[in-house]
Structure formats: structure tokens, C-alpha cells
C-alpha atoms as a PDB file:
ATOM      1  CA  MET A   1      78.826   6.444  51.512  1.00  0.00           C
ATOM      2  CA  ASN A   2      77.616   4.925  54.749  1.00  0.00           C
ATOM      3  CA  LEU A   3      77.861   7.441  57.563  1.00  0.00           C
ATOM      4  CA  GLY A   4      78.279   6.348  61.165  1.00  0.00           C
ATOM      5  CA  ILE A   5      79.670   7.452  64.519  1.00  0.00           C
ATOM      6  CA  SER A   6      82.028   5.726  66.918  1.00  0.00           C
ATOM      7  CA  SER A   7      79.715   6.380  69.876  1.00  0.00           C
ATOM      8  CA  SER A   8      76.956   3.967  70.822  1.00  0.00           C
ATOM      9  CA  LEU A   9      75.092   6.959  72.333  1.00  0.00           C
ATOM     10  CA  VAL A  10      73.397   6.677  75.707  1.00  0.00           C
ATOM     11  CA  HIS A  11      70.979   3.748  75.561  1.00  0.00           C
ATOM     12  CA  ARG A  12      69.416   1.068  77.730  1.00  0.00           C
ATOM     13  CA  SER A  13      68.809  -1.724  75.247  1.00  0.00           C
ATOM     14  CA  ALA A  14      69.834  -3.059  71.869  1.00  0.00           C
ATOM     15  CA  SER A  15      66.610  -1.825  70.310  1.00  0.00           C
ATOM     16  CA  GLU A  16      67.099   1.693  71.698  1.00  0.00           C
ATOM     17  CA  TRP A  17      70.702   1.678  70.457  1.00  0.00           C
ATOM     18  CA  ALA A  18      69.688   0.790  66.914  1.00  0.00           C
ATOM     19  CA  GLU A  19      66.701   3.134  66.926  1.00  0.00           C
ATOM     20  CA  LYS A  20      68.807   6.118  67.972  1.00  0.00           C
ATOM     21  CA  GLN A  21      71.399   5.428  65.287  1.00  0.00           C
ATOM     22  CA  LYS A  22      68.711   5.054  62.631  1.00  0.00           C
ATOM     23  CA  LYS A  23      66.838   8.204  63.668  1.00  0.00           C
ATOM     24  CA  LEU A  24      70.030  10.172  63.083  1.00  0.00           C
ATOM     25  CA  GLY A  25      70.022   8.905  59.519  1.00  0.00           C
ATOM     26  CA  LEU A  26      73.093   6.737  60.027  1.00  0.00           C
ATOM     27  CA  SER A  27      73.629   3.560  58.040  1.00  0.00           C
ATOM     28  CA  ALA A  28      76.820   2.224  59.655  1.00  0.00           C
ATOM     29  CA  VAL A  29      77.672   1.428  63.275  1.00  0.00           C
ATOM     30  CA  VAL A  30      80.605   0.469  65.433  1.00  0.00           C
ATOM     31  CA  PHE A  31      79.656  -2.640  67.384  1.00  0.00           C
ATOM     32  CA  PRO A  32      79.192  -1.543  71.021  1.00  0.00           C
ATOM     33  CA  LEU A  33      79.977  -4.851  72.767  1.00  0.00           C
ATOM     34  CA  ASP A  34      83.128  -6.922  73.028  1.00  0.00           C
ATOM     35  CA  PHE A  35      83.552 -10.684  72.880  1.00  0.00           C
ATOM     36  CA  ARG A  36      83.158 -11.028  76.656  1.00  0.00           C
ATOM     37  CA  ALA A  37      79.482 -10.027  76.523  1.00  0.00           C
ATOM     38  CA  ARG A  38      76.805 -12.704  76.835  1.00  0.00           C
ATOM     39  CA  ASP A  39      75.990 -14.527  73.614  1.00  0.00           C
ATOM     40  CA  SER A  40      72.334 -13.564  73.928  1.00  0.00           C
ATOM     41  CA  GLU A  41      73.204  -9.890  74.312  1.00  0.00           C
ATOM     42  CA  ILE A  42      75.502  -9.956  71.298  1.00  0.00           C
ATOM     43  CA  ALA A  43      72.749 -11.642  69.288  1.00  0.00           C
ATOM     44  CA  ASP A  44      70.258  -8.955  70.303  1.00  0.00           C
ATOM     45  CA  TYR A  45      72.507  -6.162  69.012  1.00  0.00           C
ATOM     46  CA  VAL A  46      73.246  -8.002  65.777  1.00  0.00           C
ATOM     47  CA  ASP A  47      69.545  -8.658  65.190  1.00  0.00           C
ATOM     48  CA  GLU A  48      68.644  -5.023  65.826  1.00  0.00           C
ATOM     49  CA  ALA A  49      71.359  -3.812  63.468  1.00  0.00           C
ATOM     50  CA  ARG A  50      70.088  -6.093  60.726  1.00  0.00           C
ATOM     51  CA  GLU A  51      66.455  -5.143  61.323  1.00  0.00           C
ATOM     52  CA  LYS A  52      67.313  -1.443  61.035  1.00  0.00           C
ATOM     53  CA  ASN A  53      69.602  -2.077  58.033  1.00  0.00           C
ATOM     54  CA  LEU A  54      72.651  -0.789  59.916  1.00  0.00           C
ATOM     55  CA  GLN A  55      75.949  -2.034  58.549  1.00  0.00           C
ATOM     56  CA  ILE A  56      78.295  -3.249  61.309  1.00  0.00           C
ATOM     57  CA  ALA A  57      81.371  -1.402  60.149  1.00  0.00           C
ATOM     58  CA  GLU A  58      83.942  -2.378  62.716  1.00  0.00           C
ATOM     59  CA  VAL A  59      84.839  -4.139  65.907  1.00  0.00           C
ATOM     60  CA  GLY A  60      87.617  -2.350  67.765  1.00  0.00           C
ATOM     61  CA  ILE A  61      90.587  -3.774  69.635  1.00  0.00           C
ATOM     62  CA  TRP A  62      92.606  -0.716  70.713  1.00  0.00           C
ATOM     63  CA  LYS A  63      95.225  -2.603  72.683  1.00  0.00           C
ATOM     64  CA  ASN A  64      99.019  -2.614  72.450  1.00  0.00           C
ATOM     65  CA  VAL A  65      99.834  -6.047  71.048  1.00  0.00           C
ATOM     66  CA  LEU A  66     103.535  -5.092  70.967  1.00  0.00           C
ATOM     67  CA  ALA A  67     103.714  -3.976  74.608  1.00  0.00           C
ATOM     68  CA  LEU A  68     107.107  -4.304  76.265  1.00  0.00           C
ATOM     69  CA  ASP A  69     105.495  -5.716  79.382  1.00  0.00           C
ATOM     70  CA  GLU A  70     105.000  -9.424  78.703  1.00  0.00           C
ATOM     71  CA  ARG A  71     101.749  -9.682  80.660  1.00  0.00           C
ATOM     72  CA  GLU A  72     100.242  -6.646  78.949  1.00  0.00           C
ATOM     73  CA  ARG A  73     101.286  -7.995  75.553  1.00  0.00           C
ATOM     74  CA  ALA A  74      99.799 -11.433  76.222  1.00  0.00           C
ATOM     75  CA  GLU A  75      96.523  -9.965  77.485  1.00  0.00           C
ATOM     76  CA  ALA A  76      96.319  -7.615  74.500  1.00  0.00           C
ATOM     77  CA  ARG A  77      96.865 -10.466  72.052  1.00  0.00           C
ATOM     78  CA  GLU A  78      94.267 -12.620  73.755  1.00  0.00           C
ATOM     79  CA  TYR A  79      91.793  -9.738  73.549  1.00  0.00           C
ATOM     80  CA  ALA A  80      92.639  -9.137  69.876  1.00  0.00           C
ATOM     81  CA  ALA A  81      91.962 -12.766  68.995  1.00  0.00           C
ATOM     82  CA  GLY A  82      88.647 -12.618  70.841  1.00  0.00           C
ATOM     83  CA  GLN A  83      87.620  -9.449  69.042  1.00  0.00           C
ATOM     84  CA  LEU A  84      88.577 -10.811  65.625  1.00  0.00           C
ATOM     85  CA  LYS A  85      86.529 -13.945  66.290  1.00  0.00           C
ATOM     86  CA  LEU A  86      83.593 -11.769  67.341  1.00  0.00           C
ATOM     87  CA  ALA A  87      83.886  -9.629  64.214  1.00  0.00           C
ATOM     88  CA  ASP A  88      83.820 -12.750  62.076  1.00  0.00           C
ATOM     89  CA  GLU A  89      80.866 -14.265  63.918  1.00  0.00           C
ATOM     90  CA  ILE A  90      78.700 -11.148  63.570  1.00  0.00           C
ATOM     91  CA  GLY A  91      79.803 -10.361  60.013  1.00  0.00           C
ATOM     92  CA  ALA A  92      81.448  -7.009  60.708  1.00  0.00           C
ATOM     93  CA  LEU A  93      83.295  -5.502  57.789  1.00  0.00           C
ATOM     94  CA  CYS A  94      86.506  -5.311  59.773  1.00  0.00           C
ATOM     95  CA  CYS A  95      88.214  -5.729  63.111  1.00  0.00           C
ATOM     96  CA  VAL A  96      90.618  -2.860  63.613  1.00  0.00           C
ATOM     97  CA  ASN A  97      93.611  -2.033  65.776  1.00  0.00           C
ATOM     98  CA  THR A  98      96.703   0.104  65.633  1.00  0.00           C
ATOM     99  CA  ALA A  99      99.986  -1.708  65.065  1.00  0.00           C
ATOM    100  CA  GLY A 100     101.162  -1.094  68.624  1.00  0.00           C
ATOM    101  CA  THR A 101     104.036   0.738  70.262  1.00  0.00           C
ATOM    102  CA  TYR A 102     107.426  -0.862  70.604  1.00  0.00           C
ATOM    103  CA  GLY A 103     109.352   1.553  72.787  1.00  0.00           C
ATOM    104  CA  GLY A 104     107.418   2.778  75.809  1.00  0.00           C
ATOM    105  CA  PRO A 105     104.491   2.435  78.184  1.00  0.00           C
ATOM    106  CA  GLN A 106     101.795   4.465  76.369  1.00  0.00           C
ATOM    107  CA  TRP A 107      99.702   2.039  74.345  1.00  0.00           C
ATOM    108  CA  ASP A 108      99.361   4.428  71.393  1.00  0.00           C
ATOM    109  CA  GLY A 109     102.484   6.518  72.010  1.00  0.00           C
ATOM    110  CA  GLY A 110     105.163   7.725  69.640  1.00  0.00           C
ATOM    111  CA  TYR A 111     108.617   6.216  70.101  1.00  0.00           C
ATOM    112  CA  ALA A 112     111.655   5.883  67.858  1.00  0.00           C
ATOM    113  CA  GLU A 113     111.476   2.110  68.251  1.00  0.00           C
ATOM    114  CA  ASN A 114     108.115   2.129  66.446  1.00  0.00           C
ATOM    115  CA  PHE A 115     110.063   2.629  63.230  1.00  0.00           C
ATOM    116  CA  SER A 116     112.745   0.026  63.823  1.00  0.00           C
ATOM    117  CA  PRO A 117     113.196  -3.017  61.563  1.00  0.00           C
ATOM    118  CA  GLU A 118     112.428  -5.177  64.580  1.00  0.00           C
ATOM    119  CA  CYS A 119     109.041  -3.494  65.095  1.00  0.00           C
ATOM    120  CA  TRP A 120     108.140  -3.917  61.444  1.00  0.00           C
ATOM    121  CA  SER A 121     109.100  -7.579  61.477  1.00  0.00           C
ATOM    122  CA  GLU A 122     107.231  -8.269  64.722  1.00  0.00           C
ATOM    123  CA  THR A 123     104.121  -6.485  63.417  1.00  0.00           C
ATOM    124  CA  VAL A 124     104.067  -8.549  60.229  1.00  0.00           C
ATOM    125  CA  THR A 125     104.719 -11.839  61.996  1.00  0.00           C
ATOM    126  CA  TYR A 126     102.109 -11.167  64.670  1.00  0.00           C
ATOM    127  CA  ILE A 127      99.341 -10.213  62.228  1.00  0.00           C
ATOM    128  CA  GLN A 128     100.070 -13.251  60.094  1.00  0.00           C
ATOM    129  CA  SER A 129      99.821 -15.488  63.151  1.00  0.00           C
ATOM    130  CA  LEU A 130      96.609 -13.790  64.348  1.00  0.00           C
ATOM    131  CA  ILE A 131      94.870 -14.264  61.007  1.00  0.00           C
ATOM    132  CA  ASP A 132      96.146 -17.833  60.699  1.00  0.00           C
ATOM    133  CA  GLU A 133      94.932 -18.636  64.219  1.00  0.00           C
ATOM    134  CA  VAL A 134      91.435 -17.168  63.920  1.00  0.00           C
ATOM    135  CA  LYS A 135      90.931 -17.929  60.216  1.00  0.00           C
ATOM    136  CA  PRO A 136      88.274 -15.258  59.613  1.00  0.00           C
ATOM    137  CA  HIS A 137      86.177 -15.642  56.491  1.00  0.00           C
ATOM    138  CA  ARG A 138      83.468 -12.977  56.948  1.00  0.00           C
ATOM    139  CA  THR A 139      85.609 -10.086  58.148  1.00  0.00           C
ATOM    140  CA  ARG A 140      89.055  -8.598  57.659  1.00  0.00           C
ATOM    141  CA  PHE A 141      91.649  -7.611  60.202  1.00  0.00           C
ATOM    142  CA  CYS A 142      92.760  -4.043  59.535  1.00  0.00           C
ATOM    143  CA  LEU A 143      95.438  -1.678  60.740  1.00  0.00           C
ATOM    144  CA  GLU A 144      94.623   1.956  61.290  1.00  0.00           C
ATOM    145  CA  PRO A 145      97.442   4.317  60.224  1.00  0.00           C
ATOM    146  CA  MET A 146      98.881   6.584  62.888  1.00  0.00           C
ATOM    147  CA  PRO A 147     101.084   9.717  62.882  1.00  0.00           C
ATOM    148  CA  TRP A 148     103.879   7.949  64.800  1.00  0.00           C
ATOM    149  CA  MET A 149     103.107   4.274  64.392  1.00  0.00           C
ATOM    150  CA  ILE A 150     103.302   2.140  61.266  1.00  0.00           C
ATOM    151  CA  PRO A 151     101.807   2.549  58.767  1.00  0.00           C
ATOM    152  CA  THR A 152     102.113   6.350  58.569  1.00  0.00           C
ATOM    153  CA  GLY A 153     101.385   6.760  54.869  1.00  0.00           C
ATOM    154  CA  PRO A 154     100.213   5.044  51.693  1.00  0.00           C
ATOM    155  CA  ASP A 155     103.604   3.608  50.770  1.00  0.00           C
ATOM    156  CA  GLU A 156     103.926   1.917  54.151  1.00  0.00           C
ATOM    157  CA  CYS A 157     100.363   0.646  53.740  1.00  0.00           C
ATOM    158  CA  LEU A 158     101.306  -0.938  50.415  1.00  0.00           C
ATOM    159  CA  ARG A 159     104.427  -2.467  51.914  1.00  0.00           C
ATOM    160  CA  ILE A 160     102.658  -3.972  54.904  1.00  0.00           C
ATOM    161  CA  LEU A 161      99.885  -5.354  52.684  1.00  0.00           C
ATOM    162  CA  ARG A 162     102.541  -7.060  50.595  1.00  0.00           C
ATOM    163  CA  ASP A 163     104.568  -8.338  53.547  1.00  0.00           C
ATOM    164  CA  ILE A 164     101.600  -9.722  55.499  1.00  0.00           C
ATOM    165  CA  ASP A 165     100.243 -11.342  52.330  1.00  0.00           C
ATOM    166  CA  ARG A 166      96.903 -12.489  53.733  1.00  0.00           C
ATOM    167  CA  GLU A 167      93.606 -12.118  51.877  1.00  0.00           C
ATOM    168  CA  GLN A 168      91.830 -11.290  55.139  1.00  0.00           C
ATOM    169  CA  PHE A 169      94.047  -8.288  55.867  1.00  0.00           C
ATOM    170  CA  GLY A 170      93.085  -4.776  54.817  1.00  0.00           C
ATOM    171  CA  ILE A 171      93.483  -1.090  55.528  1.00  0.00           C
ATOM    172  CA  HIS A 172      91.317   0.996  57.801  1.00  0.00           C
ATOM    173  CA  LEU A 173      91.812   4.522  56.516  1.00  0.00           C
ATOM    174  CA  ASP A 174      92.161   7.398  58.936  1.00  0.00           C
ATOM    175  CA  ALA A 175      93.536  10.033  56.610  1.00  0.00           C
ATOM    176  CA  VAL A 176      93.817  12.700  59.295  1.00  0.00           C
ATOM    177  CA  ASN A 177      96.137  10.427  61.285  1.00  0.00           C
ATOM    178  CA  MET A 178      98.544  10.364  58.354  1.00  0.00           C
ATOM    179  CA  ILE A 179      98.703  14.156  58.063  1.00  0.00           C
ATOM    180  CA  ASN A 180     101.801  14.463  60.216  1.00  0.00           C
ATOM    181  CA  CYS A 181     104.017  17.018  58.468  1.00  0.00           C
ATOM    182  CA  PRO A 182     103.757  20.447  56.777  1.00  0.00           C
ATOM    183  CA  GLU A 183     103.786  18.997  53.265  1.00  0.00           C
ATOM    184  CA  ARG A 184     100.766  16.802  53.900  1.00  0.00           C
ATOM    185  CA  TYR A 185      98.912  19.475  55.881  1.00  0.00           C
ATOM    186  CA  PHE A 186      99.284  22.273  53.340  1.00  0.00           C
ATOM    187  CA  HIS A 187      98.542  19.958  50.394  1.00  0.00           C
ATOM    188  CA  MET A 188      95.810  17.783  51.869  1.00  0.00           C
ATOM    189  CA  LYS A 189      93.872  17.279  48.635  1.00  0.00           C
ATOM    190  CA  GLU A 190      96.951  16.121  46.803  1.00  0.00           C
ATOM    191  CA  PHE A 191      97.866  13.816  49.663  1.00  0.00           C
ATOM    192  CA  LEU A 192      94.381  12.307  49.688  1.00  0.00           C
ATOM    193  CA  ASP A 193      94.630  11.744  45.935  1.00  0.00           C
ATOM    194  CA  GLU A 194      97.882   9.884  46.485  1.00  0.00           C
ATOM    195  CA  CYS A 195      96.386   7.757  49.249  1.00  0.00           C
ATOM    196  CA  PHE A 196      93.389   6.621  47.248  1.00  0.00           C
ATOM    197  CA  GLU A 197      95.329   6.081  44.042  1.00  0.00           C
ATOM    198  CA  LYS A 198      97.695   3.758  45.905  1.00  0.00           C
ATOM    199  CA  ILE A 199      95.514   1.989  48.481  1.00  0.00           C
ATOM    200  CA  GLY A 200      91.901   2.907  47.741  1.00  0.00           C
ATOM    201  CA  SER A 201      90.992  -0.591  46.600  1.00  0.00           C
ATOM    202  CA  GLU A 202      92.204  -2.056  49.919  1.00  0.00           C
ATOM    203  CA  VAL A 203      90.297   0.337  52.188  1.00  0.00           C
ATOM    204  CA  ILE A 204      87.597  -1.426  54.197  1.00  0.00           C
ATOM    205  CA  SER A 205      86.397   1.364  56.484  1.00  0.00           C
ATOM    206  CA  CYS A 206      87.244   5.017  57.139  1.00  0.00           C
ATOM    207  CA  HIS A 207      87.313   7.507  59.987  1.00  0.00           C
ATOM    208  CA  LEU A 208      86.297  11.138  59.702  1.00  0.00           C
ATOM    209  CA  LYS A 209      87.343  14.125  61.814  1.00  0.00           C
ATOM    210  CA  ASP A 210      89.128  17.425  61.236  1.00  0.00           C
ATOM    211  CA  ILE A 211      92.590  18.874  61.735  1.00  0.00           C
ATOM    212  CA  ARG A 212      94.054  22.341  62.147  1.00  0.00           C
ATOM    213  CA  LEU A 213      97.439  23.989  62.594  1.00  0.00           C
ATOM    214  CA  LEU A 214      98.132  25.692  65.922  1.00  0.00           C
ATOM    215  CA  SER A 215      99.905  29.023  65.944  1.00  0.00           C
ATOM    216  CA  GLU A 216     102.507  28.172  68.588  1.00  0.00           C
ATOM    217  CA  LEU A 217     105.957  27.010  67.561  1.00  0.00           C
ATOM    218  CA  THR A 218     107.053  24.602  66.473  1.00  0.00           C
ATOM    219  CA  PHE A 219     104.857  22.686  64.027  1.00  0.00           C
ATOM    220  CA  GLN A 220     101.764  21.524  65.960  1.00  0.00           C
ATOM    221  CA  LEU A 221      98.671  19.910  64.527  1.00  0.00           C
ATOM    222  CA  LYS A 222      95.473  19.373  66.498  1.00  0.00           C
ATOM    223  CA  GLU A 223      92.825  16.772  65.810  1.00  0.00           C
ATOM    224  CA  THR A 224      89.433  18.428  66.161  1.00  0.00           C
ATOM    225  CA  TYR A 225      85.745  18.106  65.334  1.00  0.00           C
ATOM    226  CA  CYS A 226      84.426  18.427  61.809  1.00  0.00           C
ATOM    227  CA  GLY A 227      84.236  22.090  60.869  1.00  0.00           C
ATOM    228  CA  ASP A 228      86.893  23.299  63.289  1.00  0.00           C
ATOM    229  CA  GLY A 229      89.769  22.650  60.901  1.00  0.00           C
ATOM    230  CA  HIS A 230      90.748  22.572  57.249  1.00  0.00           C
ATOM    231  CA  PHE A 231      90.319  18.945  56.224  1.00  0.00           C
ATOM    232  CA  PRO A 232      88.727  18.799  52.746  1.00  0.00           C
ATOM    233  CA  ILE A 233      85.712  16.696  53.700  1.00  0.00           C
ATOM    234  CA  GLU A 234      83.984  16.921  50.329  1.00  0.00           C
ATOM    235  CA  HIS A 235      87.097  15.746  48.502  1.00  0.00           C
ATOM    236  CA  TYR A 236      87.594  12.895  50.957  1.00  0.00           C
ATOM    237  CA  ILE A 237      84.021  11.646  50.481  1.00  0.00           C
ATOM    238  CA  LYS A 238      84.301  11.996  46.709  1.00  0.00           C
ATOM    239  CA  LEU A 239      87.397   9.777  46.710  1.00  0.00           C
ATOM    240  CA  ILE A 240      85.757   7.212  48.982  1.00  0.00           C
ATOM    241  CA  ASP A 241      82.779   7.003  46.632  1.00  0.00           C
ATOM    242  CA  GLN A 242      85.130   6.662  43.680  1.00  0.00           C
ATOM    243  CA  TYR A 243      87.627   4.117  45.003  1.00  0.00           C
ATOM    244  CA  CYS A 244      85.761   2.182  47.707  1.00  0.00           C
ATOM    245  CA  PRO A 245      82.045   2.852  47.264  1.00  0.00           C
ATOM    246  CA  GLY A 246      79.957   1.704  50.175  1.00  0.00           C
ATOM    247  CA  ALA A 247      82.809   1.917  52.661  1.00  0.00           C
ATOM    248  CA  PRO A 248      81.624   3.136  56.078  1.00  0.00           C
ATOM    249  CA  VAL A 249      82.724   6.599  57.158  1.00  0.00           C
ATOM    250  CA  ILE A 250      82.817   6.857  60.958  1.00  0.00           C
ATOM    251  CA  ILE A 251      82.890  10.202  62.793  1.00  0.00           C
ATOM    252  CA  GLU A 252      84.966   9.739  65.949  1.00  0.00           C
ATOM    253  CA  HIS A 253      86.685  11.161  69.036  1.00  0.00           C
ATOM    254  CA  LEU A 254      83.965  13.444  70.379  1.00  0.00           C
ATOM    255  CA  ASN A 255      83.005  13.739  74.026  1.00  0.00           C
ATOM    256  CA  ARG A 256      79.209  13.945  74.178  1.00  0.00           C
ATOM    257  CA  ASP A 257      76.211  12.637  72.267  1.00  0.00           C
ATOM    258  CA  GLU A 258      75.345  16.246  71.435  1.00  0.00           C
ATOM    259  CA  ASP A 259      78.758  16.714  69.818  1.00  0.00           C
ATOM    260  CA  TYR A 260      78.184  13.731  67.550  1.00  0.00           C
ATOM    261  CA  ILE A 261      74.736  14.961  66.542  1.00  0.00           C
ATOM    262  CA  GLN A 262      76.152  18.389  65.662  1.00  0.00           C
ATOM    263  CA  SER A 263      78.944  16.798  63.626  1.00  0.00           C
ATOM    264  CA  ILE A 264      76.473  14.632  61.705  1.00  0.00           C
ATOM    265  CA  GLN A 265      74.459  17.724  60.844  1.00  0.00           C
ATOM    266  CA  TYR A 266      77.576  19.623  59.811  1.00  0.00           C
ATOM    267  CA  VAL A 267      78.848  16.846  57.537  1.00  0.00           C
ATOM    268  CA  ARG A 268      75.425  16.577  55.909  1.00  0.00           C
ATOM    269  CA  LYS A 269      75.538  20.284  55.059  1.00  0.00           C
ATOM    270  CA  ARG A 270      78.825  19.815  53.259  1.00  0.00           C
ATOM    271  CA  VAL A 271      78.225  16.570  51.403  1.00  0.00           C
ATOM    272  CA  GLN A 272      75.293  14.657  50.012  1.00  0.00           C
ATOM    273  CA  VAL A 273      74.940  11.600  52.227  1.00  0.00           C
ATOM    274  CA  GLN A 274      73.146   8.571  50.823  1.00  0.00           C
END
């Protein structure tokens, strides 16, 4: 397993960035620049990552390519193409985005329209066109599952893999995002088994965090930091090592550098990190 964090940590140069990641014992990184950065600056970060033997796990997009507003949609798609080209140029394992929201203004919001046949069709057609336009050969474009945005589970992942039908398309696994109902929450190990049995071979990169049930009605789940919930971290890592060995595992969604450092230490106490 290659452990990493989504934060670039506070730094003033490419060398300091790589040195800080390496000193924490990390072996995977999220690329901290986007395609609009200067070529020389991008090259500096790539060189430092290679020198420190840090695997560039992912280049993020995080834009709503299905936005109802035509200008927002066009700008998001232009950015996505730029990021996918960057990921390919620097040899990142994947370029990742969510599918997008089809029914409202929040870029990652939950709307009924997200589950419409029209949204599914538009998602498939768009991703096919993106991959065909950029023609990546060193990276894969991946979708991250979401609680209220396709794909929400392993069966939808299998279906979208089949429908998109492009070799350079894969799955970015955020298992916590797919725990969106009581059955999956109370049987997390069994759900993880199902996920990896069905899509493990297509997983390019993974996210790691925790999840816990709130006491207030009705059913409310909270994403939280590792150790503050009930996600079976050891089982998750065991399945990653079994089905997609070498896949990066990225700790994410924390507020401060100190929080990331504490989470790294906590995860190390629970699993043996290579």
C-alpha cells in the first residue's frame, strides 16, 4: 500500500513539498498544481517527486461538468480536459472527478435528477468524448463514487465501466462515500468485500477517511477523521493489498497540516504500512 494525503502541506518550493511528504513516510502524493501553472514549475514538482520516489497518485478536477448553467459547464469541461492532459504528461496514475450534478446549483450536491436516465446517458457520452479528445496513454480518467451521485455502489461502477467502454477509464474508490444507507453502514466489512470482489481489479487509487452514525433522527452519517468513526480500516487495507496491490491510499478532507500528521500516525498504528 502506498500511503498519501490530499494536502500539499504548507511549503515554499517543490523541494520542500517533496521533502515534507517524504519525511512523513508517505510514498504517494496528490499533484499540487493544475495545468495553468508554468511549465517550469510543473517540471520542478515532477522532478522532485521522482527524486524522492513519490508516486503521483492523482490529478484532481473537482468541477461540475454537468452543470445546468451553460457557461459553468463549458468552463468545467475545459478545465477537465486540461487536467487530464496534465495527468498524462506527468504520468499520474489517474485524473479524477465526480460525475457531476444534473439538477441544481451545488457542484457536488444531491438531486433527484442525478439518477435520471438522461444524467446517466450524458455522463457516459461526456466521458467517452473527453477520453477520445485527450487520448491519454499514461494515465486513466476515473470517477469517484458519491453518496448521491453516480456511481453510488459497485454495481453502478460495473455498469458505467461497461457503458463507457474505454481502456483509459477506471474507478477511483472512495468506499466511505458509498456507505449511504443503514445496510452498508452496519455491515461495512461485508460491503467492502462486495466492492472489491466486483470492481477491485479496476480500482486505480483510493481515498481513506472515517464515518460514524449520529444519534439524531433520522438516519444521519458523518464523514470524519480516521479514528473518530467505525470504518474497518484494517479490512479495507487488506482488500486493497489483495485486489489492487500498490494502489495509492490517500487520507483526505482534513483542515490543518497537524490533522493530517495525526491521521498518518493513527493509521500506522492500525495497519502495517509499507
